[in-house]
Protein backbone atom coordinates (compact mmCIF):
# COMPACT_ATOMS: atom_id res chain seq x y z
CA UNK A 1 -33.60 0.55 -13.75
CA UNK A 2 -33.10 -1.47 -16.91
CA UNK A 3 -34.09 -5.10 -16.95
CA UNK A 4 -33.05 -7.66 -19.52
CA UNK A 5 -35.86 -9.20 -21.54
CA UNK A 6 -33.82 -12.41 -21.76
CA UNK A 7 -30.40 -13.84 -20.90
CA UNK A 8 -28.54 -16.40 -23.01
CA UNK A 9 -25.46 -18.43 -22.05
CA UNK A 10 -22.69 -18.96 -24.63
CA UNK A 11 -19.59 -21.04 -23.94
CA UNK A 12 -16.57 -22.13 -25.93
CA UNK A 13 -16.02 -25.27 -23.84
CA UNK A 14 -18.74 -27.25 -22.07
CA UNK A 15 -17.57 -29.70 -19.40
CA UNK A 16 -20.79 -31.40 -18.15
CA UNK A 17 -18.99 -33.74 -15.69
CA UNK A 18 -17.44 -30.79 -13.85
CA UNK A 19 -20.67 -28.95 -13.08
CA UNK A 20 -21.66 -28.06 -9.53
CA UNK A 21 -25.03 -26.70 -10.69
CA UNK A 22 -26.95 -28.35 -13.52
CA UNK A 23 -27.35 -25.71 -16.22
CA UNK A 24 -27.53 -25.88 -20.00
CA UNK A 25 -25.79 -23.35 -22.23
CA UNK A 26 -27.80 -21.93 -25.09
CA UNK A 27 -24.77 -21.97 -27.39
CA UNK A 28 -21.80 -24.37 -27.08
CA UNK A 29 -18.82 -24.78 -29.41
CA UNK A 30 -17.23 -27.92 -27.95
CA UNK A 31 -18.24 -30.44 -25.28
CA UNK A 32 -15.12 -31.80 -23.58
CA UNK A 33 -14.34 -34.47 -20.95
CA UNK A 34 -13.52 -33.54 -17.35
CA UNK A 35 -9.84 -32.80 -17.98
CA UNK A 36 -7.71 -29.76 -17.13
CA UNK A 37 -7.36 -27.65 -20.27
CA UNK A 38 -4.99 -24.74 -20.91
CA UNK A 39 -4.21 -22.32 -23.70
CA UNK A 40 -6.12 -19.66 -25.61
CA UNK A 41 -6.57 -17.63 -22.43
CA UNK A 42 -6.94 -20.56 -20.01
CA UNK A 43 -4.05 -20.96 -17.59
CA UNK A 44 -2.55 -23.06 -14.81
CA UNK A 45 -0.66 -21.02 -12.20
CA UNK A 46 -0.42 -18.17 -14.72
CA UNK A 47 1.29 -20.40 -17.30
CA UNK A 48 0.16 -21.65 -20.72
CA UNK A 49 -2.55 -19.00 -21.28
CA UNK A 50 -0.71 -17.58 -24.32
CA UNK A 51 -0.74 -20.86 -26.23
CA UNK A 52 -2.46 -20.36 -29.61
CA UNK A 53 -4.46 -23.58 -29.05
CA UNK A 54 -6.30 -25.41 -26.27
CA UNK A 55 -4.60 -28.51 -24.89
CA UNK A 56 -5.02 -30.98 -22.04
CA UNK A 57 -2.59 -30.52 -19.15
CA UNK A 58 -1.00 -33.77 -17.99
CA UNK A 59 -2.20 -34.77 -14.52
CA UNK A 60 1.34 -35.08 -13.14
CA UNK A 61 1.80 -31.33 -13.73
CA UNK A 62 -1.07 -30.26 -11.44
CA UNK A 63 -1.43 -33.21 -9.04
CA UNK A 64 1.54 -32.28 -6.82
């Protein structure tokens, strides 16, 4: 069996307030507030993932 000598965590978006387990990424691009973000591959109910940017989804869209 192969075993990794080390493991690193890289993330585009770090949302510290939303964590269930306290863990620190080794590499982070952006630290963001605890808001629902969509776009650039992130979706809500299979919508918005094809946006060429990351945006904050208004709460009234997902609170119903």
